[in-house]
């Protein structure tokens, strides 16, 4: 029996060392590539690219906020290369994601709290009156920002944003992670070593009906998600979002910032009717762009539409109030955008 116990201990220690090795390898493979700014007593990771005074033209800077399970690299693989020639662009890792620290406090899963962290970071960087884009979970942050700090914005773009409470429960593993002992065992024993393997199905469903770009998981450093603290933060954000949106969504009629809302009619992650259409109804004078045949990742599938909307907001142009529909692209048109 003692031999079996020793064998078990050796295997357990070996497995723990292997998990730590995986974490270190991930951080070595996808290092911090931006800068850090202090906000709410935590370091927030960001990139800041493009001209400070583009062409001598008065354009507002653009700030990008990513969604759940992501980090700022998602924008480096999509919008930033298309914007940086003419615009100053900043992208942040949300608190507790990518290479950003999570400020202390039990309510950091509240989009309004994360909006406050980003607002203080922008103040510390001297960035004034930006256009703010929030994708998916980041759409909740951007909407909360417009409610709390609307006077400090030049424009708001909610991209496939989660903005309203929904029926049903979050995925089972989020509920499991909330359990003190079982959650920790699952996190270290399953998520860290196997998360990369299981992620492919999630990426596929997020991009559907279009295929994900080749090498997408590597391009965005998706493995960074599967570090224990970061996965737990992501789970807390996802699990608690619906409760926060129940109160936040009742106030959207207060938003007075020029607002563009972009959604795909094939989005199965954040349903267009429940979120984007409802938000459009609540924000007077907002512009709703519906992309036919597009799922949850319009900034990868139709970056031209997103860039155009951002450019118009940054230039101070009036939004085109009402619903605007863009028909599904042909295969040749999709290929031309890649």
Protein backbone atom coordinates (compact mmCIF):
# COMPACT_ATOMS: atom_id res chain seq x y z
CA UNK A 1 0.00 0.00 0.00
CA UNK A 2 2.83 2.39 0.86
CA UNK A 3 4.30 1.87 -2.61
CA UNK A 4 0.97 2.82 -4.20
CA UNK A 5 0.75 5.92 -2.04
CA UNK A 6 4.26 6.98 -3.01
CA UNK A 7 3.48 6.31 -6.66
CA UNK A 8 0.35 8.44 -6.40
CA UNK A 9 2.31 11.27 -4.77
CA UNK A 10 4.99 11.13 -7.46
CA UNK A 11 2.37 11.19 -10.22
CA UNK A 12 0.51 14.06 -8.57
CA UNK A 13 3.66 16.15 -8.14
CA UNK A 14 4.72 15.38 -11.71
CA UNK A 15 1.32 16.46 -13.01
CA UNK A 16 1.44 19.70 -11.01
CA UNK A 17 4.89 20.47 -12.36
CA UNK A 18 3.65 19.77 -15.88
CA UNK A 19 0.74 22.19 -15.42
CA UNK A 20 3.08 24.91 -14.14
CA UNK A 21 5.34 24.22 -17.13
CA UNK A 22 2.39 24.71 -19.51
CA UNK A 23 1.55 28.06 -17.91
CA UNK A 24 5.15 29.27 -18.16
CA UNK A 25 5.39 28.13 -21.78
CA UNK A 26 2.20 29.98 -22.66
CA UNK A 27 3.49 33.20 -21.11
CA UNK A 28 6.80 32.79 -22.91
CA UNK A 29 5.08 32.16 -26.24
CA UNK A 30 2.68 35.13 -25.89
CA UNK A 31 4.55 37.77 -23.87
CA UNK A 32 3.29 41.20 -22.96
CA UNK A 33 3.82 43.30 -26.10
CA UNK A 34 2.33 46.61 -24.99
CA UNK A 35 2.69 49.04 -22.12
CA UNK A 36 1.23 49.25 -18.62
CA UNK A 37 -0.80 52.07 -17.12
CA UNK A 38 -1.84 52.29 -13.48
CA UNK A 39 -5.56 52.38 -12.73
CA UNK A 40 -7.44 51.52 -9.54
CA UNK A 41 -4.15 50.34 -7.97
CA UNK A 42 -3.60 47.77 -10.73
CA UNK A 43 -1.55 47.63 -13.94
CA UNK A 44 -3.65 47.69 -17.09
CA UNK A 45 -2.04 46.40 -20.29
CA UNK A 46 -2.60 48.34 -23.51
CA UNK A 47 -1.19 49.07 -26.94
CA UNK A 48 -1.16 52.57 -28.41
CA UNK A 49 -0.48 52.85 -32.14
CA UNK A 50 -0.97 55.30 -34.98
CA UNK A 51 -0.31 59.03 -35.31
CA UNK A 52 -1.11 61.37 -32.43
CA UNK A 53 -2.05 64.08 -34.95
CA UNK A 54 -3.18 62.15 -38.05
CA UNK A 55 -2.63 64.23 -41.20
CA UNK A 56 -3.26 67.37 -39.16
CA UNK A 57 -6.96 66.44 -39.24
CA UNK A 58 -9.00 66.60 -36.07
CA UNK A 59 -9.90 62.95 -35.51
CA UNK A 60 -10.83 61.52 -32.14
CA UNK A 61 -8.66 58.65 -30.88
CA UNK A 62 -10.22 55.20 -30.99
CA UNK A 63 -10.31 52.86 -27.99
CA UNK A 64 -11.05 49.14 -28.40
CA UNK A 65 -12.36 46.82 -25.66
CA UNK A 66 -12.44 43.06 -26.24
CA UNK A 67 -15.03 40.49 -25.22
CA UNK A 68 -15.09 37.36 -23.07
CA UNK A 69 -12.34 34.75 -23.45
CA UNK A 70 -10.23 37.25 -25.37
CA UNK A 71 -7.53 39.88 -25.15
CA UNK A 72 -6.33 42.87 -27.15
CA UNK A 73 -4.51 40.64 -29.65
CA UNK A 74 -7.91 39.98 -31.24
CA UNK A 75 -7.90 43.58 -32.45
CA UNK A 76 -4.27 43.38 -33.56
CA UNK A 77 -5.40 40.56 -35.84
CA UNK A 78 -8.33 42.54 -37.24
CA UNK A 79 -9.00 46.27 -36.86
CA UNK A 80 -5.75 47.85 -35.70
CA UNK A 81 -3.79 47.30 -38.96
CA UNK A 82 -6.68 48.87 -40.89
CA UNK A 83 -6.99 51.91 -38.62
CA UNK A 84 -3.46 52.79 -37.53
CA UNK A 85 -2.45 54.70 -40.69
CA UNK A 86 -4.97 57.47 -40.07
CA UNK A 87 -6.06 57.09 -36.45
CA UNK A 88 -4.55 56.88 -33.02
CA UNK A 89 -5.79 53.53 -31.71
CA UNK A 90 -5.59 52.15 -28.19
CA UNK A 91 -6.63 48.63 -27.22
CA UNK A 92 -6.83 47.37 -23.65
CA UNK A 93 -6.76 43.99 -22.01
CA UNK A 94 -9.79 44.16 -19.74
CA UNK A 95 -9.06 43.86 -15.99
CA UNK A 96 -7.90 40.33 -15.23
CA UNK A 97 -7.51 39.34 -18.89
CA UNK A 98 -4.49 39.04 -21.16
CA UNK A 99 -1.70 40.85 -19.32
CA UNK A 100 -3.86 43.19 -17.23
CA UNK A 101 -4.07 42.84 -13.48
CA UNK A 102 -7.45 42.59 -11.77
CA UNK A 103 -8.05 45.39 -9.25
CA UNK A 104 -9.16 44.25 -5.81
CA UNK A 105 -12.84 44.18 -4.99
CA UNK A 106 -15.65 41.64 -5.12
CA UNK A 107 -17.55 43.40 -7.90
CA UNK A 108 -14.92 43.63 -10.64
CA UNK A 109 -17.18 41.40 -12.79
CA UNK A 110 -19.51 44.41 -13.09
CA UNK A 111 -19.14 46.09 -16.52
CA UNK A 112 -19.54 49.47 -14.83
CA UNK A 113 -16.52 48.78 -12.59
CA UNK A 114 -14.42 47.75 -15.57
CA UNK A 115 -15.55 50.87 -17.42
CA UNK A 116 -14.34 52.96 -14.48
CA UNK A 117 -10.94 51.24 -14.59
CA UNK A 118 -10.57 51.98 -18.31
CA UNK A 119 -11.75 55.56 -17.81
CA UNK A 120 -9.10 56.22 -15.16
CA UNK A 121 -6.47 54.60 -17.39
CA UNK A 122 -7.38 56.92 -20.26
CA UNK A 123 -7.27 59.92 -17.96
CA UNK A 124 -3.81 58.90 -16.77
CA UNK A 125 -2.70 58.58 -20.41
CA UNK A 126 -4.10 61.99 -21.30
CA UNK A 127 -6.54 60.53 -23.84
CA UNK A 128 -9.57 62.78 -24.20
CA UNK A 129 -12.94 62.26 -25.86
CA UNK A 130 -12.20 59.01 -27.69
CA UNK A 131 -14.52 56.89 -29.78
CA UNK A 132 -15.10 53.74 -27.74
CA UNK A 133 -15.74 50.33 -29.33
CA UNK A 134 -16.80 47.36 -27.25
CA UNK A 135 -17.16 43.87 -28.71
CA UNK A 136 -19.36 41.18 -27.14
CA UNK A 137 -18.78 41.35 -23.34
CA UNK A 138 -16.86 44.52 -24.08
CA UNK A 139 -20.10 45.93 -25.46
CA UNK A 140 -21.48 45.84 -21.92
CA UNK A 141 -18.40 47.74 -20.74
CA UNK A 142 -18.68 50.32 -23.52
CA UNK A 143 -22.39 50.85 -22.81
CA UNK A 144 -21.68 51.25 -19.09
CA UNK A 145 -18.92 53.73 -19.95
CA UNK A 146 -21.37 55.79 -22.01
CA UNK A 147 -23.77 55.85 -19.06
CA UNK A 148 -21.16 56.94 -16.52
CA UNK A 149 -18.75 58.98 -18.64
CA UNK A 150 -20.71 59.90 -21.74
CA UNK A 151 -19.52 63.50 -21.68
CA UNK A 152 -15.97 62.21 -22.12
CA UNK A 153 -16.75 60.33 -25.35
CA UNK A 154 -16.90 61.45 -28.98
CA UNK A 155 -18.73 58.32 -30.06
CA UNK A 156 -19.82 54.81 -29.11
CA UNK A 157 -19.72 51.67 -31.25
CA UNK A 158 -21.32 48.55 -29.81
CA UNK A 159 -20.13 45.57 -31.86
CA UNK A 160 -22.16 42.37 -31.39
CA UNK A 161 -22.48 43.62 -27.83
CA UNK A 162 -24.00 41.78 -24.87
CA UNK A 163 -26.24 44.54 -23.53
CA UNK A 164 -29.41 42.93 -22.15
CA UNK A 165 -30.27 40.07 -19.77
CA UNK A 166 -31.13 36.75 -21.38
CA UNK A 167 -32.97 33.60 -20.41
CA UNK A 168 -31.21 30.36 -19.58
CA UNK A 169 -28.02 29.51 -17.73
CA UNK A 170 -24.36 29.97 -18.50
CA UNK A 171 -22.24 26.95 -19.46
CA UNK A 172 -21.95 24.20 -16.84
CA UNK A 173 -18.25 24.72 -16.24
CA UNK A 174 -18.83 28.29 -15.07
CA UNK A 175 -21.12 26.95 -12.35
CA UNK A 176 -18.57 24.29 -11.44
CA UNK A 177 -15.78 26.85 -11.12
CA UNK A 178 -17.83 28.72 -8.52
CA UNK A 179 -17.51 25.74 -6.13
CA UNK A 180 -14.49 26.20 -3.81
CA UNK A 181 -12.89 22.73 -3.95
CA UNK A 182 -14.30 21.13 -7.10
CA UNK A 183 -13.75 24.35 -9.00
CA UNK A 184 -10.07 24.47 -8.11
CA UNK A 185 -9.55 20.82 -9.01
CA UNK A 186 -11.33 21.32 -12.34
CA UNK A 187 -9.34 24.48 -13.05
CA UNK A 188 -5.91 22.94 -12.51
CA UNK A 189 -6.71 19.39 -13.53
CA UNK A 190 -8.75 20.02 -16.68
CA UNK A 191 -8.77 23.65 -17.85
CA UNK A 192 -5.03 24.32 -17.84
CA UNK A 193 -3.86 21.07 -19.51
CA UNK A 194 -6.84 20.52 -21.83
CA UNK A 195 -8.32 23.96 -22.46
CA UNK A 196 -6.34 24.48 -25.64
CA UNK A 197 -7.69 21.24 -27.07
CA UNK A 198 -11.31 22.08 -26.27
CA UNK A 199 -11.09 25.68 -27.49
CA UNK A 200 -11.31 24.85 -31.19
CA UNK A 201 -15.03 24.07 -31.03
CA UNK A 202 -15.73 27.37 -29.29
CA UNK A 203 -13.79 29.34 -31.90
CA UNK A 204 -15.67 27.58 -34.69
CA UNK A 205 -19.09 28.39 -33.23
CA UNK A 206 -18.11 32.01 -32.56
CA UNK A 207 -17.20 32.64 -36.20
CA UNK A 208 -20.02 30.56 -37.71
CA UNK A 209 -21.32 30.60 -40.38
CA UNK A 210 -17.90 31.76 -41.62
CA UNK A 211 -14.74 29.79 -40.90
CA UNK A 212 -12.26 31.21 -38.43
CA UNK A 213 -9.17 32.77 -40.02
CA UNK A 214 -6.28 30.36 -40.42
CA UNK A 215 -4.06 30.49 -37.35
CA UNK A 216 -6.56 32.55 -35.36
CA UNK A 217 -5.92 30.85 -32.01
CA UNK A 218 -2.19 31.49 -32.28
CA UNK A 219 -2.66 35.03 -33.57
CA UNK A 220 -4.68 36.09 -30.52
CA UNK A 221 -2.76 34.04 -27.96
CA UNK A 222 -5.90 32.16 -26.94
CA UNK A 223 -3.85 29.97 -24.59
CA UNK A 224 -3.45 32.98 -22.28
CA UNK A 225 -7.07 32.41 -21.30
CA UNK A 226 -6.30 29.03 -19.75
CA UNK A 227 -4.08 30.31 -16.97
CA UNK A 228 -5.91 29.66 -13.68
CA UNK A 229 -6.53 33.22 -12.44
CA UNK A 230 -7.47 34.50 -15.86
CA UNK A 231 -9.90 31.67 -16.58
CA UNK A 232 -11.53 32.20 -13.19
CA UNK A 233 -11.87 35.93 -13.88
CA UNK A 234 -13.39 35.19 -17.29
CA UNK A 235 -15.81 32.75 -15.69
CA UNK A 236 -16.86 35.28 -13.05
CA UNK A 237 -17.43 37.92 -15.73
CA UNK A 238 -19.55 35.56 -17.79
CA UNK A 239 -21.53 34.11 -14.88
CA UNK A 240 -22.48 37.45 -13.35
CA UNK A 241 -23.07 39.51 -16.48
CA UNK A 242 -26.79 38.81 -16.77
CA UNK A 243 -27.46 40.14 -13.27
CA UNK A 244 -25.57 43.35 -13.97
CA UNK A 245 -27.32 43.88 -17.30
CA UNK A 246 -30.75 43.63 -15.68
CA UNK A 247 -30.15 46.98 -14.01
CA UNK A 248 -27.86 48.55 -16.59
CA UNK A 249 -30.16 47.95 -19.55
CA UNK A 250 -32.98 49.93 -17.93
CA UNK A 251 -30.89 53.10 -18.29
CA UNK A 252 -29.81 52.96 -21.93
CA UNK A 253 -32.30 55.68 -22.84
CA UNK A 254 -29.95 58.03 -20.96
CA UNK A 255 -27.14 57.55 -23.49
CA UNK A 256 -26.72 60.73 -25.53
CA UNK A 257 -23.43 59.90 -27.26
CA UNK A 258 -23.44 59.43 -31.08
CA UNK A 259 -23.93 55.67 -31.25
CA UNK A 260 -23.48 53.02 -33.93
CA UNK A 261 -24.57 49.43 -33.26
CA UNK A 262 -23.33 46.62 -35.51
CA UNK A 263 -24.68 43.08 -35.43
CA UNK A 264 -24.71 39.96 -37.57
CA UNK A 265 -28.05 38.30 -38.22
CA UNK A 266 -26.42 34.86 -37.86
CA UNK A 267 -24.90 35.58 -34.46
CA UNK A 268 -25.69 32.65 -32.16
CA UNK A 269 -23.53 33.91 -29.29
CA UNK A 270 -25.19 37.29 -28.70
CA UNK A 271 -28.60 37.29 -30.38
CA UNK A 272 -29.24 40.38 -32.48
CA UNK A 273 -32.92 40.87 -31.63
CA UNK A 274 -32.39 40.53 -27.88
CA UNK A 275 -29.37 42.80 -27.64
CA UNK A 276 -28.57 45.05 -30.61
CA UNK A 277 -32.14 45.72 -31.72
CA UNK A 278 -33.25 46.43 -28.15
CA UNK A 279 -30.32 48.79 -27.62
CA UNK A 280 -31.13 50.61 -30.85
CA UNK A 281 -34.71 51.13 -29.68
CA UNK A 282 -33.52 52.65 -26.41
CA UNK A 283 -30.83 55.04 -27.72
CA UNK A 284 -32.47 57.91 -29.56
CA UNK A 285 -30.92 58.62 -32.95
CA UNK A 286 -28.67 55.56 -32.93
CA UNK A 287 -27.55 53.83 -36.11
CA UNK A 288 -28.12 50.06 -36.35
CA UNK A 289 -26.16 48.15 -38.98
CA UNK A 290 -27.33 44.60 -39.66
CA UNK A 291 -24.91 42.36 -41.53
CA UNK A 292 -26.64 39.54 -43.36
CA UNK A 293 -24.92 36.17 -43.17
CA UNK A 294 -22.49 37.26 -40.44
CA UNK A 295 -21.99 35.72 -37.00
CA UNK A 296 -20.41 37.02 -33.82
CA UNK A 297 -17.14 38.37 -35.27
CA UNK A 298 -18.00 41.21 -37.68
CA UNK A 299 -14.61 42.89 -37.17
CA UNK A 300 -12.97 39.87 -38.79
CA UNK A 301 -15.64 39.05 -41.38
CA UNK A 302 -16.71 42.60 -42.36
CA UNK A 303 -13.89 44.83 -41.10
CA UNK A 304 -14.66 47.33 -43.86
CA UNK A 305 -18.04 48.13 -42.31
CA UNK A 306 -16.61 48.45 -38.80
CA UNK A 307 -13.70 50.64 -39.93
CA UNK A 308 -16.06 52.91 -41.87
CA UNK A 309 -18.30 53.39 -38.84
CA UNK A 310 -15.33 54.12 -36.57
CA UNK A 311 -13.89 56.60 -39.07
CA UNK A 312 -17.19 58.46 -39.29
CA UNK A 313 -17.49 58.68 -35.51
CA UNK A 314 -13.87 59.75 -35.13
CA UNK A 315 -14.37 62.51 -37.71
CA UNK A 316 -17.42 63.80 -35.87
CA UNK A 317 -19.85 62.98 -38.66
CA UNK A 318 -23.52 62.62 -37.80
CA UNK A 319 -24.68 59.05 -37.35
CA UNK A 320 -27.12 57.69 -39.90
CA UNK A 321 -30.06 57.11 -37.59
CA UNK A 322 -32.17 54.03 -38.24
CA UNK A 323 -31.63 50.50 -39.53
CA UNK A 324 -29.17 49.84 -42.37
CA UNK A 325 -28.88 46.37 -43.87
CA UNK A 326 -25.82 45.04 -45.69
CA UNK A 327 -26.50 41.97 -47.79
CA UNK A 328 -24.45 38.80 -47.45
CA UNK A 329 -21.19 38.81 -49.38
CA UNK A 330 -20.33 36.51 -52.24
CA UNK A 331 -17.34 34.17 -51.92
CA UNK A 332 -15.31 36.49 -54.15
CA UNK A 333 -16.12 39.52 -51.99
CA UNK A 334 -15.10 37.65 -48.84
CA UNK A 335 -11.83 36.59 -50.43
CA UNK A 336 -11.06 40.19 -51.39
CA UNK A 337 -11.30 41.29 -47.74
CA UNK A 338 -8.85 38.68 -46.49
